[in-house]
């Protein structure tokens, strides 16, 4: 696993994050002065209604977007100081992504889907194959790794996407609505896998979702409304409304 040296107990921190988007003459503020801190191996759910800013927050925390104001520290690295190439290298080596739409290539087998990002890490062909096969075994698809997306169910496609993300052994895993396109049974399988990744691998998992099934499996729930964190609490505790900008951690 690729580790960056850091003296902080947090793998991910955000301070004073704000973000606005402009449509024509109208500017809309999506995030207002967000501050939070997340520890290694923590499974955090970012929840809230559609349009509240949770996916934008995930994109900023993962380095896919830059904030208008504020700072994001990931594994001790200030993402704002990295140019586009360095940021791409950081994401390649230290982060994994799981999206609602699976993002699989129709012509590739499940094994090839997982091998593809590994091939950019400078690993040997043998190691690429070993890691990819191991990741697919871990998500229960060892017997189906030679199948293409058209031959897989929705739940299986999402498990391939998760295997592709975790095969890199990232310290940070970002999941954006990973269960919204799945039925109850497949959604529960995906939730269990994300939970196990955080527990067994020590991976910091951030998951954006409005799926209530996720709540009982998380270490904490960050509730967002109108671009602000309104509560931050372990899932078994009643939410406590935030009174202003503060460092959110458990």
Protein backbone atom coordinates (compact mmCIF):
# COMPACT_ATOMS: atom_id res chain seq x y z
CA UNK A 1 0.00 0.00 0.00
CA UNK A 2 1.25 3.50 -0.80
CA UNK A 3 1.51 5.59 2.35
CA UNK A 4 2.32 9.28 2.74
CA UNK A 5 4.07 10.41 5.88
CA UNK A 6 1.81 12.42 8.14
CA UNK A 7 1.77 13.48 11.77
CA UNK A 8 -1.99 13.98 11.96
CA UNK A 9 -4.34 11.26 13.28
CA UNK A 10 -6.70 12.10 10.42
CA UNK A 11 -6.47 10.75 6.89
CA UNK A 12 -8.74 13.45 5.51
CA UNK A 13 -9.38 17.00 6.67
CA UNK A 14 -11.28 19.94 5.20
CA UNK A 15 -11.17 23.48 6.52
CA UNK A 16 -13.48 26.29 5.44
CA UNK A 17 -14.58 24.65 2.18
CA UNK A 18 -16.91 26.75 0.04
CA UNK A 19 -18.02 26.19 -3.55
CA UNK A 20 -20.29 28.09 -5.94
CA UNK A 21 -21.46 27.45 -9.48
CA UNK A 22 -22.60 30.04 -12.01
CA UNK A 23 -25.45 29.55 -14.47
CA UNK A 24 -25.84 32.54 -16.76
CA UNK A 25 -26.03 35.61 -14.49
CA UNK A 26 -26.90 33.60 -11.38
CA UNK A 27 -24.29 32.31 -8.91
CA UNK A 28 -25.42 29.59 -6.49
CA UNK A 29 -23.39 28.66 -3.42
CA UNK A 30 -23.41 24.87 -3.04
CA UNK A 31 -21.13 24.51 -0.01
CA UNK A 32 -20.78 26.96 2.88
CA UNK A 33 -17.63 26.90 5.05
CA UNK A 34 -17.43 23.12 5.53
CA UNK A 35 -14.93 21.89 8.14
CA UNK A 36 -14.42 18.22 9.03
CA UNK A 37 -11.80 15.63 9.94
CA UNK A 38 -11.94 11.87 9.33
CA UNK A 39 -9.78 9.17 10.91
CA UNK A 40 -8.17 6.11 9.29
CA UNK A 41 -10.48 3.13 8.84
CA UNK A 42 -13.59 5.22 9.41
CA UNK A 43 -16.72 4.51 7.35
CA UNK A 44 -18.52 7.83 7.00
CA UNK A 45 -21.91 8.40 5.40
CA UNK A 46 -22.63 11.82 3.90
CA UNK A 47 -26.40 12.09 3.73
CA UNK A 48 -28.92 14.70 2.73
CA UNK A 49 -31.60 15.58 0.17
CA UNK A 50 -30.91 15.88 -3.54
CA UNK A 51 -29.11 19.10 -4.42
CA UNK A 52 -27.79 19.73 -0.91
CA UNK A 53 -24.13 19.62 -1.97
CA UNK A 54 -23.09 16.16 -0.80
CA UNK A 55 -21.74 14.94 -4.17
CA UNK A 56 -19.90 18.24 -4.66
CA UNK A 57 -18.33 17.80 -1.23
CA UNK A 58 -17.22 14.27 -2.14
CA UNK A 59 -15.71 15.53 -5.41
CA UNK A 60 -13.74 18.21 -3.57
CA UNK A 61 -12.53 15.88 -0.81
CA UNK A 62 -11.33 13.40 -3.45
CA UNK A 63 -9.56 16.02 -5.55
CA UNK A 64 -11.90 15.75 -8.54
CA UNK A 65 -12.92 19.40 -8.04
CA UNK A 66 -11.21 22.34 -6.40
CA UNK A 67 -13.00 24.49 -3.81
CA UNK A 68 -13.42 28.24 -4.27
CA UNK A 69 -12.19 28.73 -0.72
CA UNK A 70 -10.70 26.50 1.95
CA UNK A 71 -8.19 23.68 2.18
CA UNK A 72 -8.32 19.89 1.82
CA UNK A 73 -5.59 17.79 3.45
CA UNK A 74 -5.52 14.15 2.34
CA UNK A 75 -2.93 11.80 3.86
CA UNK A 76 -1.00 14.86 5.01
CA UNK A 77 -0.93 16.38 1.51
CA UNK A 78 -2.52 19.75 0.77
CA UNK A 79 -4.43 18.98 -2.43
CA UNK A 80 -4.58 22.67 -3.29
CA UNK A 81 -0.81 22.78 -3.81
CA UNK A 82 -0.83 20.02 -6.46
CA UNK A 83 -0.96 20.74 -10.17
CA UNK A 84 -3.22 18.68 -12.44
CA UNK A 85 -0.60 15.99 -13.12
CA UNK A 86 0.40 15.60 -9.46
CA UNK A 87 -3.26 15.46 -8.44
CA UNK A 88 -3.90 12.73 -11.01
CA UNK A 89 -0.91 10.79 -9.68
CA UNK A 90 -2.18 11.18 -6.10
CA UNK A 91 -5.61 9.83 -7.03
CA UNK A 92 -4.08 6.92 -8.95
CA UNK A 93 -1.89 5.74 -6.09
CA UNK A 94 -3.92 6.62 -3.00
CA UNK A 95 -7.64 6.72 -3.80
CA UNK A 96 -10.38 4.47 -5.15
CA UNK A 97 -13.74 5.52 -6.61
CA UNK A 98 -17.10 3.77 -6.86
CA UNK A 99 -19.91 5.47 -8.78
CA UNK A 100 -23.64 4.94 -9.17
CA UNK A 101 -23.32 4.05 -12.86
CA UNK A 102 -20.60 1.36 -12.49
CA UNK A 103 -18.46 2.89 -15.31
CA UNK A 104 -17.46 -0.47 -16.80
CA UNK A 105 -16.11 -1.06 -20.32
CA UNK A 106 -18.54 -3.27 -22.33
CA UNK A 107 -15.79 -5.20 -24.16
CA UNK A 108 -13.72 -6.11 -21.08
CA UNK A 109 -14.20 -9.07 -18.75
CA UNK A 110 -14.57 -8.48 -15.02
CA UNK A 111 -10.94 -9.46 -14.55
CA UNK A 112 -9.76 -7.06 -17.26
CA UNK A 113 -11.83 -4.23 -15.74
CA UNK A 114 -9.96 -4.63 -12.45
CA UNK A 115 -6.56 -5.15 -14.08
CA UNK A 116 -6.78 -1.95 -16.13
CA UNK A 117 -6.01 0.66 -13.40
CA UNK A 118 -3.45 -1.66 -11.82
CA UNK A 119 -1.50 -1.65 -15.09
CA UNK A 120 -0.68 2.04 -14.51
CA UNK A 121 0.95 1.41 -11.12
CA UNK A 122 4.19 -0.05 -12.45
CA UNK A 123 3.38 -3.56 -11.21
CA UNK A 124 4.46 -6.74 -12.94
CA UNK A 125 1.90 -8.53 -15.11
CA UNK A 126 1.83 -11.36 -12.58
CA UNK A 127 1.15 -8.99 -9.68
CA UNK A 128 -1.55 -7.17 -11.64
CA UNK A 129 -3.32 -10.47 -12.29
CA UNK A 130 -2.92 -11.63 -8.68
CA UNK A 131 -4.33 -8.44 -7.19
CA UNK A 132 -7.24 -8.30 -9.64
CA UNK A 133 -8.21 -11.92 -9.06
CA UNK A 134 -7.91 -11.51 -5.28
CA UNK A 135 -10.12 -8.40 -5.32
CA UNK A 136 -12.81 -10.19 -7.32
CA UNK A 137 -12.66 -13.16 -4.95
CA UNK A 138 -13.11 -10.77 -2.04
CA UNK A 139 -16.35 -9.39 -3.48
CA UNK A 140 -17.65 -12.88 -4.28
CA UNK A 141 -17.06 -12.88 -8.05
CA UNK A 142 -14.17 -15.31 -8.34
CA UNK A 143 -16.24 -17.68 -10.45
CA UNK A 144 -17.50 -14.91 -12.76
CA UNK A 145 -14.32 -12.98 -13.48
CA UNK A 146 -14.26 -13.98 -17.16
CA UNK A 147 -17.73 -12.54 -17.84
CA UNK A 148 -18.41 -9.19 -19.50
CA UNK A 149 -20.83 -6.54 -18.14
CA UNK A 150 -23.70 -7.69 -20.38
CA UNK A 151 -23.51 -11.08 -18.66
CA UNK A 152 -23.58 -9.65 -15.13
CA UNK A 153 -26.44 -8.38 -12.97
CA UNK A 154 -26.50 -4.82 -11.65
CA UNK A 155 -25.28 -5.94 -8.26
CA UNK A 156 -22.44 -7.90 -9.83
CA UNK A 157 -21.42 -4.90 -11.95
CA UNK A 158 -21.19 -2.76 -8.83
CA UNK A 159 -19.11 -5.42 -7.12
CA UNK A 160 -16.72 -5.39 -10.10
CA UNK A 161 -16.48 -1.61 -9.70
CA UNK A 162 -15.69 -2.03 -5.99
CA UNK A 163 -13.07 -4.68 -6.76
CA UNK A 164 -11.49 -2.33 -9.30
CA UNK A 165 -11.28 0.40 -6.66
CA UNK A 166 -9.89 -1.72 -3.81
CA UNK A 167 -7.40 -3.75 -5.90
CA UNK A 168 -5.12 -0.69 -5.83
CA UNK A 169 -5.12 -0.98 -2.01
CA UNK A 170 -6.03 2.70 -1.58
CA UNK A 171 -6.01 4.48 1.76
CA UNK A 172 -9.10 6.46 0.70
CA UNK A 173 -12.22 5.04 -0.94
CA UNK A 174 -14.95 7.37 -2.23
CA UNK A 175 -18.39 5.99 -3.12
CA UNK A 176 -21.10 8.17 -4.71
CA UNK A 177 -24.59 6.64 -4.38
CA UNK A 178 -23.23 3.07 -4.74
CA UNK A 179 -26.57 1.37 -3.97
CA UNK A 180 -29.13 3.67 -5.60
CA UNK A 181 -29.34 1.64 -8.83
CA UNK A 182 -29.66 -1.69 -7.00
CA UNK A 183 -32.51 -3.67 -5.51
CA UNK A 184 -32.64 -4.31 -1.76
CA UNK A 185 -30.75 -7.60 -1.78
CA UNK A 186 -27.89 -6.39 -4.00
CA UNK A 187 -27.76 -3.08 -2.19
CA UNK A 188 -27.26 -4.90 1.10
CA UNK A 189 -24.40 -6.95 -0.38
CA UNK A 190 -22.65 -3.77 -1.50
CA UNK A 191 -23.14 -2.17 1.92
CA UNK A 192 -21.66 -5.23 3.63
CA UNK A 193 -18.63 -5.14 1.32
CA UNK A 194 -17.95 -1.45 2.00
CA UNK A 195 -18.24 -2.10 5.72
CA UNK A 196 -15.80 -5.00 5.51
CA UNK A 197 -13.29 -2.97 3.48
CA UNK A 198 -13.17 -0.31 6.18
CA UNK A 199 -12.86 -2.87 8.97
CA UNK A 200 -10.42 -5.36 7.48
CA UNK A 201 -8.27 -3.12 5.27
CA UNK A 202 -8.25 -0.04 7.48
CA UNK A 203 -9.43 1.96 4.47
CA UNK A 204 -11.07 5.32 5.09
CA UNK A 205 -14.42 5.07 3.27
CA UNK A 206 -16.55 8.10 2.42
CA UNK A 207 -19.96 7.28 1.01
CA UNK A 208 -22.54 9.72 -0.33
CA UNK A 209 -26.01 8.21 -0.16
CA UNK A 210 -29.62 8.75 0.85
CA UNK A 211 -30.03 4.97 1.33
CA UNK A 212 -31.20 4.46 4.97
CA UNK A 213 -29.79 0.91 4.95
CA UNK A 214 -26.29 2.34 5.11
CA UNK A 215 -26.78 4.15 8.39
CA UNK A 216 -26.42 1.21 10.77
CA UNK A 217 -23.18 0.11 9.08
CA UNK A 218 -21.33 3.42 9.42
CA UNK A 219 -19.07 4.86 12.09
CA UNK A 220 -20.56 8.31 11.67
CA UNK A 221 -23.18 10.18 9.69
CA UNK A 222 -22.62 13.67 8.33
CA UNK A 223 -26.00 15.20 7.48
CA UNK A 224 -25.94 18.08 5.00
CA UNK A 225 -28.66 20.57 4.13
CA UNK A 226 -28.28 23.63 1.91
CA UNK A 227 -24.52 23.15 1.72
CA UNK A 228 -23.94 23.05 5.48
CA UNK A 229 -23.26 20.23 7.93
CA UNK A 230 -26.27 20.25 10.24
CA UNK A 231 -25.31 17.20 12.30
CA UNK A 232 -22.35 14.88 12.80
CA UNK A 233 -22.85 11.81 14.95
CA UNK A 234 -22.38 8.05 15.28
CA UNK A 235 -25.36 6.24 13.71
CA UNK A 236 -26.67 4.95 17.07
CA UNK A 237 -26.90 8.44 18.58
CA UNK A 238 -29.53 11.06 18.01
CA UNK A 239 -28.26 13.89 15.76
CA UNK A 240 -26.97 17.03 17.44
CA UNK A 241 -27.35 20.17 15.33
CA UNK A 242 -24.13 21.94 14.50
CA UNK A 243 -23.92 25.45 15.97
CA UNK A 244 -21.27 26.77 13.64
CA UNK A 245 -18.00 25.94 11.91
CA UNK A 246 -16.09 23.36 13.91
CA UNK A 247 -13.87 20.35 13.49
CA UNK A 248 -16.14 17.36 13.00
CA UNK A 249 -14.67 14.10 14.28
CA UNK A 250 -15.55 11.23 16.57
